[in-house]
Amino acid sequence: MDTDDLSALRPRIPSPLEPVEDERFARHGLALLLKRDDLIHPDLPGNKWRKLALNLRAADGRPVLTFGGAYSNHLRATAAAGRLLGFTTIGVVRGDELAGRPLNPSLARCAADGMRLEFVDRATYRAKHEPAVLAALLGRAPEGTYVVPEGGSNALAVEGCAALGRELAGRADVAAVACGTGGTLAGLAAGFGGRTLGVPVLKGGFLGGEVRALQEAAFGGPRGDWGLDERFHCGGYGRATPELDAFAQDFEARHGLAIERLYVAKMLLALVTLAEEGAFPPGTRIAAVVTGTRDQPVSSR
C-alpha cells in the first residue's frame, strides 16, 4: 500500500479541541476541553484511525485479519478501511452461537464492506494469541495475511496514539480517555507528557499491566505520568446503568453532543465526579478525548 493512500482518505488531523462551558467544572476553577477525535474520519473515527494507520502501512496492501466482539467498532473500522483502500479483511468474531443468527447492524456493516466473518467459540477466542490457535486461523486465510490484535492495540497502534498526546501537549494540563485494551492510553500518555487519566470500561483491574506491556513494546519502557480510575465501568464492558444514561442525556442537553454510552459517557462521568471530589487544582485545563458519538457505531475494545 502506498502511504499516500491513507492521506487520500483526508483524515481531520489534528482533530479539533473545543472548550465547553460547564458549571460543574467552572465552579471549581476548572476548564473542560473536548478533544473531538470522533471527527477524524466518518468511517474510521477516533482512536480507530490512530490505531490502524501505522498498522495498515505495515500491512502494505496485504489481507488483514483481526478480532472483535459482535458490536466491535474496531471490526467496522477495519472493514471500512478495506473497502476504501481495496484490501481483503477477515474478522474473527467472539461467539460461535452468532453464526446461525441474522447479523446485527455492526456485523452487517462489516459484511457489506467486504469483511469475511469467522465466528469462533469463546474458548478459542480467549486463546487467540496462542501459536496453534493463530496458526489455524491463518491457515484459513490468504497467504501473507497481516494480523492486527483485538481493538487494534499493539506497538504500532501505541505509536499512532502518541500523536494524540502531542496534539494536546501545552494545550491542556490533564488528558482523559476511556480505556478498553489500553492502547490509546499507552500512546496518549507517552505523547502528552502531562498527567493522563484512563477510565477503564471493563472490570477486572488488569489494565495497568496491559498498558505497561504496550509501552514496553512500543518504547522500550514506561512513558508519561498516567493512572487509572477503576470506579466507572458501570458493571463492565457493554454495560450501562440508568444513572449513566441519565448523566449522558443531561450532558447532551447541556452541550448538544450525542454522547456514546459505553466509553465516552463513563469517562465524562468520571471527570465530573473527580471535579466534585477536588481531584484537580483550580486553573487545571482538562482535555476529554471523545472517541465516538452516539450517532456513530458502538465503540469497541
Foldseek 3Di string as FASTA:
>chain_A
DPLVLLCVQVFPPPADKAWDDDVLQVVQQETEIERFQQRRHQQQGFLLCLLCSQVVVVLVQEEEEEEFELQASNLRSVLQCCLSRPHAYEYEYEAPVCVPDPRDPRVVSSVVSHYHYHYDYNVLVVCCPPPVSVVVVCVPPDPSYHYQYFVSAALSSLCSLLSVLLVCAPVFQEEEWEDEQQSNVLNNQQNNQHEYEYEYLADDPPNVVSSQVRNCRNPVGGGHHYDYDDPQNCHGAPDDDPVLVVQQVVVCVRGVFAAQRRIQSSRVVVVSVCSVVVVDHNPGYYYYYRRHGPVGGHHTD
